Protein backbone atom coordinates (compact mmCIF):
# COMPACT_ATOMS: atom_id res chain seq x y z
CA MET A 1 -24.39 -5.11 18.47
CA ASP A 2 -24.14 -8.74 17.28
CA ASP A 3 -20.82 -10.58 16.86
CA ASN A 4 -20.64 -10.10 13.09
CA SER A 5 -21.29 -6.38 13.39
CA THR A 6 -18.63 -6.11 16.08
CA ASN A 7 -16.11 -7.97 13.92
CA ARG A 8 -16.81 -5.62 11.02
CA THR A 9 -16.34 -2.59 13.26
CA ILE A 10 -13.08 -3.95 14.65
CA GLY A 11 -11.82 -4.63 11.13
CA PHE A 12 -12.52 -1.07 9.95
CA VAL A 13 -11.11 0.65 13.06
CA ALA A 14 -7.99 -1.52 13.28
CA GLY A 15 -7.38 -1.18 9.55
CA TRP A 16 -7.51 2.61 9.74
CA PHE A 17 -5.03 2.80 12.62
CA GLY A 18 -2.74 0.26 10.95
CA GLY A 19 -2.82 2.18 7.68
CA CYS A 20 -1.99 5.51 9.29
CA VAL A 21 0.99 4.14 11.24
CA ALA A 22 2.27 2.24 8.20
CA THR A 23 1.95 5.32 5.96
CA VAL A 24 4.03 7.51 8.28
CA VAL A 25 6.88 5.03 8.87
CA SER A 26 7.15 3.80 5.27
CA TYR A 27 6.48 7.02 3.34
CA PRO A 28 10.12 8.08 2.78
CA ALA A 29 10.84 4.74 1.10
CA ASP A 30 7.73 5.24 -1.03
CA THR A 31 8.94 8.66 -2.19
CA ILE A 32 12.32 7.17 -3.14
CA LYS A 33 10.53 4.39 -5.02
CA VAL A 34 8.39 6.82 -7.02
CA ARG A 35 11.35 9.10 -7.85
CA MET A 36 13.39 6.14 -9.12
CA GLN A 37 10.46 4.82 -11.14
CA MET A 38 10.18 8.18 -12.90
CA GLU A 39 13.83 8.20 -13.95
CA GLY A 40 14.56 7.63 -17.64
CA ALA A 41 17.32 5.59 -19.22
CA LYS A 42 19.89 8.24 -18.16
CA GLN A 43 19.30 7.81 -14.49
CA ARG A 44 20.47 10.45 -12.04
CA TYR A 45 20.29 7.98 -9.20
CA GLN A 46 22.57 4.95 -9.33
CA ASN A 47 20.87 3.45 -6.29
CA SER A 48 18.29 4.18 -3.61
CA LEU A 49 20.89 5.54 -1.17
CA GLN A 50 22.02 8.15 -3.69
CA CYS A 51 18.38 9.07 -4.30
CA LEU A 52 17.83 9.47 -0.54
CA VAL A 53 20.91 11.68 -0.12
CA ASN A 54 19.98 13.79 -3.15
CA ILE A 55 16.45 14.45 -1.90
CA CYS A 56 17.65 15.36 1.61
CA LYS A 57 20.38 17.62 0.21
CA THR A 58 18.28 19.55 -2.30
CA GLU A 59 14.79 19.41 -0.77
CA SER A 60 15.57 18.75 2.91
CA ILE A 61 14.23 15.79 4.87
CA ARG A 62 10.74 17.21 4.39
CA GLY A 63 11.09 16.36 0.70
CA LEU A 64 10.75 12.69 1.66
CA PHE A 65 7.27 13.42 2.97
CA LYS A 66 5.91 15.40 0.02
CA GLY A 67 2.23 14.71 -0.47
CA MET A 68 1.87 12.57 2.66
CA ALA A 69 -1.22 14.40 3.94
CA TYR A 70 -3.37 13.10 1.09
CA PRO A 71 -2.63 9.36 1.54
CA LEU A 72 -2.75 9.77 5.30
CA ILE A 73 -6.30 11.13 5.08
CA SER A 74 -7.25 8.53 2.49
CA GLN A 75 -6.15 5.75 4.85
CA LEU A 76 -9.35 6.46 6.75
CA PHE A 77 -11.08 4.84 3.81
CA ILE A 78 -8.45 2.61 2.13
CA ASN A 79 -7.13 0.37 4.90
CA ALA A 80 -10.45 0.52 6.68
CA ALA A 81 -12.05 -0.80 3.49
CA VAL A 82 -9.34 -3.45 2.99
CA PHE A 83 -9.35 -4.87 6.50
CA GLY A 84 -13.07 -4.40 6.93
CA ALA A 85 -13.88 -6.19 3.65
CA GLU A 86 -11.31 -8.92 4.29
CA ASN A 87 -12.75 -9.48 7.76
CA VAL A 88 -16.31 -9.77 6.43
CA ILE A 89 -15.34 -12.13 3.57
CA SER A 90 -13.25 -14.30 5.92
CA ILE A 91 -16.20 -14.69 8.28
CA GLU A 92 -18.48 -15.59 5.38
CA LEU A 93 -15.99 -18.15 4.02
CA GLN A 94 -15.59 -19.70 7.46
CA SER A 95 -19.35 -20.18 7.63
CA HIS A 96 -18.92 -22.32 4.50
CA ASN A 97 -16.05 -24.29 6.09
CA LEU A 98 -13.31 -22.60 4.06
CA SER A 99 -10.41 -21.22 6.06
CA GLY A 100 -6.63 -20.95 6.14
CA VAL A 101 -4.44 -19.82 3.23
CA PRO A 102 -6.98 -20.48 0.41
CA ALA A 103 -9.65 -18.45 2.21
CA LYS A 104 -7.19 -15.59 2.82
CA MET A 105 -6.28 -15.55 -0.86
CA ILE A 106 -9.94 -15.16 -1.83
CA SER A 107 -10.78 -12.60 0.85
CA GLY A 108 -7.59 -10.66 0.07
CA ALA A 109 -8.39 -10.48 -3.65
CA VAL A 110 -11.92 -9.23 -2.95
CA ALA A 111 -10.60 -6.68 -0.44
CA GLY A 112 -8.01 -5.48 -2.96
CA ALA A 113 -10.68 -4.89 -5.58
CA ALA A 114 -13.03 -3.21 -3.10
CA GLN A 115 -10.64 -0.36 -2.29
CA CYS A 116 -9.51 0.47 -5.84
CA ILE A 117 -12.19 3.14 -6.23
CA ILE A 118 -10.38 5.06 -3.46
CA VAL A 119 -6.80 3.98 -4.17
CA CYS A 120 -6.71 5.05 -7.82
CA PRO A 121 -7.37 8.79 -7.31
CA ALA A 122 -5.47 8.87 -4.00
CA GLU A 123 -2.33 7.41 -5.54
CA LEU A 124 -2.58 9.56 -8.66
CA ILE A 125 -2.52 12.74 -6.55
CA LYS A 126 0.19 11.31 -4.29
CA ILE A 127 2.45 10.39 -7.22
CA ARG A 128 2.08 13.80 -8.83
CA MET A 129 2.84 15.57 -5.56
CA GLN A 130 5.89 13.40 -4.89
CA ASN A 131 7.28 14.45 -8.27
CA GLN A 132 6.77 18.18 -7.77
CA GLY A 133 9.79 20.45 -7.43
CA VAL A 134 12.32 17.66 -8.05
CA GLY A 135 15.80 18.96 -7.30
CA GLN A 136 14.53 22.26 -5.92
CA SER A 137 14.44 23.53 -2.35
CA TYR A 138 11.45 22.32 -0.37
CA GLY A 139 8.31 24.24 -1.28
CA ALA A 140 9.51 25.39 -4.71
CA GLY A 141 7.04 24.56 -7.45
CA VAL A 142 4.83 22.69 -5.01
CA ILE A 143 1.06 22.97 -4.58
CA GLY A 144 -1.02 21.21 -1.95
CA PRO A 145 -3.22 18.14 -2.49
CA TRP A 146 -6.43 20.16 -2.54
CA SER A 147 -5.08 22.58 -5.16
CA ALA A 148 -3.73 19.66 -7.19
CA SER A 149 -7.13 17.97 -7.05
CA LYS A 150 -8.98 21.11 -8.16
CA LEU A 151 -6.53 21.62 -11.02
CA LEU A 152 -6.96 18.03 -12.19
CA TYR A 153 -10.75 18.32 -12.00
CA ARG A 154 -10.73 21.50 -14.09
CA GLU A 155 -8.52 19.91 -16.72
CA ARG A 156 -9.91 16.36 -16.88
CA GLY A 157 -13.09 16.17 -14.82
CA ILE A 158 -13.88 13.16 -12.61
CA ALA A 159 -12.43 10.81 -15.23
CA GLY A 160 -9.02 12.40 -14.68
CA PHE A 161 -8.84 10.97 -11.17
CA TYR A 162 -9.22 7.47 -12.56
CA ARG A 163 -6.40 7.54 -15.05
CA GLY A 164 -4.67 4.18 -14.56
CA TRP A 165 -7.82 2.45 -13.22
CA TRP A 166 -7.14 -0.90 -14.88
CA LEU A 167 -3.49 -0.80 -13.86
CA THR A 168 -4.64 -0.21 -10.29
CA ILE A 169 -6.95 -3.25 -10.50
CA ALA A 170 -4.15 -5.32 -12.08
CA ARG A 171 -1.86 -4.43 -9.18
CA GLU A 172 -4.20 -4.43 -6.19
CA VAL A 173 -6.14 -7.69 -6.72
CA PRO A 174 -3.17 -10.10 -7.01
CA GLN A 175 -1.14 -8.12 -4.47
CA TYR A 176 -3.78 -8.33 -1.76
CA ALA A 177 -4.46 -11.99 -2.56
CA LEU A 178 -0.76 -12.55 -1.87
CA TYR A 179 -0.69 -10.13 1.07
CA PHE A 180 -3.26 -11.89 3.22
CA SER A 181 -2.46 -15.45 2.13
CA VAL A 182 1.29 -15.06 2.72
CA TYR A 183 0.54 -13.41 6.06
CA GLN A 184 -1.61 -16.38 7.09
CA TYR A 185 0.97 -18.89 5.82
CA SER A 186 3.79 -17.11 7.70
CA LYS A 187 1.77 -17.04 10.93
CA ASP A 188 1.00 -20.75 10.59
CA LYS A 189 4.70 -21.51 10.04
CA CYS A 190 5.68 -19.40 13.05
CA ALA A 191 3.23 -21.38 15.17
CA ASP A 192 4.62 -24.67 13.81
CA LYS A 193 8.23 -23.71 14.52
CA VAL A 194 8.00 -22.01 17.91
CA GLY A 195 4.50 -22.94 19.06
CA PRO A 196 1.37 -20.80 19.36
CA PRO A 197 1.96 -17.38 20.98
CA LYS A 198 1.38 -17.47 24.73
CA THR A 199 1.57 -13.77 25.48
CA GLN A 200 0.37 -10.58 23.80
CA LEU A 201 3.98 -9.63 23.02
CA GLN A 202 4.56 -12.95 21.25
CA ARG A 203 1.31 -12.63 19.35
CA THR A 204 2.18 -9.11 18.17
CA ALA A 205 5.70 -10.26 17.22
CA HIS A 206 4.24 -13.11 15.14
CA SER A 207 1.86 -10.67 13.44
CA ALA A 208 4.63 -8.11 12.80
CA LEU A 209 7.08 -10.63 11.33
CA SER A 210 4.41 -12.30 9.20
CA GLY A 211 3.17 -8.90 8.05
CA GLY A 212 6.70 -7.85 7.08
CA VAL A 213 7.23 -11.00 5.02
CA ALA A 214 3.83 -10.56 3.35
CA GLY A 215 4.49 -6.88 2.66
CA ALA A 216 7.77 -7.65 0.88
CA VAL A 217 6.52 -10.70 -1.06
CA THR A 218 3.56 -8.83 -2.55
CA TRP A 219 5.97 -6.61 -4.47
CA LEU A 220 7.01 -9.51 -6.67
CA TRP A 221 4.16 -8.05 -8.73
CA TYR A 222 6.32 -4.95 -9.18
CA PRO A 223 6.35 -4.16 -12.95
CA ALA A 224 2.63 -3.34 -12.89
CA ASP A 225 3.38 -0.63 -10.30
CA VAL A 226 6.16 0.91 -12.40
CA VAL A 227 3.90 1.19 -15.45
CA LYS A 228 1.10 2.58 -13.26
CA THR A 229 3.36 5.26 -11.78
CA ARG A 230 4.56 6.39 -15.21
CA PHE A 231 1.06 6.34 -16.68
CA GLN A 232 -0.57 8.24 -13.80
CA ASN A 233 2.15 10.90 -13.68
CA ASP A 234 1.85 11.61 -17.41
CA LYS A 235 0.34 15.11 -17.75
CA SER A 236 1.47 15.82 -21.31
CA GLY A 237 -0.26 12.95 -23.11
CA LYS A 238 3.02 11.15 -23.86
CA TYR A 239 1.35 7.77 -23.40
CA LYS A 240 -1.70 6.96 -25.53
CA GLY A 241 -2.64 3.98 -23.43
CA ILE A 242 -1.32 1.26 -21.11
CA ALA A 243 0.29 -0.79 -23.89
CA ASP A 244 1.93 2.34 -25.29
CA CYS A 245 3.28 3.25 -21.85
CA TYR A 246 4.73 -0.23 -21.41
CA SER A 247 6.35 -0.35 -24.86
CA LYS A 248 7.88 3.14 -24.56
CA LEU A 249 9.17 2.34 -21.07
CA VAL A 250 10.91 -0.82 -22.30
CA PHE A 251 12.18 0.89 -25.46
CA GLU A 252 13.58 3.71 -23.36
CA GLY A 253 15.71 1.60 -21.04
CA GLY A 254 15.06 -2.09 -21.56
CA HIS A 255 13.20 -4.46 -19.28
CA ARG A 256 15.36 -3.37 -16.34
CA MET A 257 13.22 -0.22 -16.27
CA LEU A 258 10.33 -2.36 -15.05
CA PHE A 259 12.28 -2.95 -11.84
CA ALA A 260 13.51 0.59 -11.21
CA GLY A 261 13.22 1.32 -7.49
CA ILE A 262 12.66 -2.32 -6.48
CA MET A 263 15.03 -2.22 -3.46
CA PRO A 264 13.40 0.71 -1.61
CA THR A 265 10.05 -0.86 -2.47
CA LEU A 266 10.95 -4.16 -0.80
CA VAL A 267 12.19 -2.26 2.25
CA ARG A 268 9.00 -0.18 2.27
CA GLY A 269 6.89 -3.31 1.85
CA PHE A 270 8.51 -4.99 4.85
CA ILE A 271 8.26 -1.89 7.07
CA ASN A 272 4.68 -1.27 5.95
CA GLY A 273 3.65 -4.86 6.65
CA VAL A 274 5.27 -4.88 10.09
CA ALA A 275 3.65 -1.59 11.08
CA THR A 276 0.25 -2.46 9.63
CA PHE A 277 -0.26 -5.91 11.13
CA ALA A 278 1.39 -5.11 14.46
CA THR A 279 -0.93 -2.10 14.83
CA VAL A 280 -4.01 -4.01 13.66
CA ASP A 281 -3.29 -6.80 16.15
CA PHE A 282 -2.66 -4.26 18.93
CA VAL A 283 -5.93 -2.42 18.25
CA LYS A 284 -7.97 -5.63 18.01
CA THR A 285 -6.54 -6.95 21.27
CA HIS A 286 -7.14 -3.73 23.18
CA TRP A 287 -10.61 -3.42 21.68
CA ASP A 288 -11.29 -6.87 23.10
CA SER A 289 -9.91 -5.81 26.50
CA ALA A 290 -12.04 -2.68 26.55
CA PHE A 291 -15.31 -3.97 25.07
CA GLY A 292 -15.05 -7.77 25.01
CA ASN A 293 -15.51 -9.84 21.88
CA ALA A 294 -15.55 -13.55 22.49
CA SER A 295 -16.36 -14.40 18.90
CA TYR A 296 -13.17 -12.70 17.68
CA ASN A 297 -11.05 -14.67 20.12
CA ARG A 298 -12.70 -17.95 19.09
CA ARG A 299 -12.16 -17.12 15.44
CA LYS A 300 -8.47 -16.35 16.00
């Protein structure tokens, strides 16, 4: 296997592991985010802590993990696609003497677009499952991801899985451009302040901290996610289109509704970024130890 093929393989494998770990540790915050985004003007939850307590009290702790199986399985494709595509584009850009933050912004945007074909249906099912049986004991009114997928297919066909496609594109492309560029910028600043990492522990710590910062910063693009959640969870045809969803959302509760659930999202973003990049760095390093990959080390 040549160096480029090895780098692609590392990117896909490390991305999958990173995505799975990040999904598990950040999923409760994601459930809180989605629940708060779905609240109307008369909100039941005054803050994310109240939402957390309410879910645990009425649905048990397991309620925080509703629908996790579907995104966990989809991580095999999503994060593998993101990190694999980003890795390939970065290598290609470096061959044209473009590196650093600008290169990461380009490769991140391309990677964000590349995984939308998987993210859109995966998130639609996830969102609908997270909003099942709200306020009821765990298991009440809940169907599994496979049953939910079959029901959606019977009602809407393949097109039903891609409701919110353009909102997904509008969120993912700028978010991943920010994600990888901010990560690179943060790592460069860490190296400037404390020097290049000398040990594996220091290197992983740099990756984790930079990933956490990147994960939180990307959610500055938050309103697009709120509209997407509302639009994808609409089963009754309340919203005639994206513009209609936006206008009704603002009319319902003002522009503050576009930031409903922002605090648990920032927490989730930081945790997700830490877990993702720390795991990716760990896998890449141990892959190198097990199989050897001089080109990866030179590139880093």
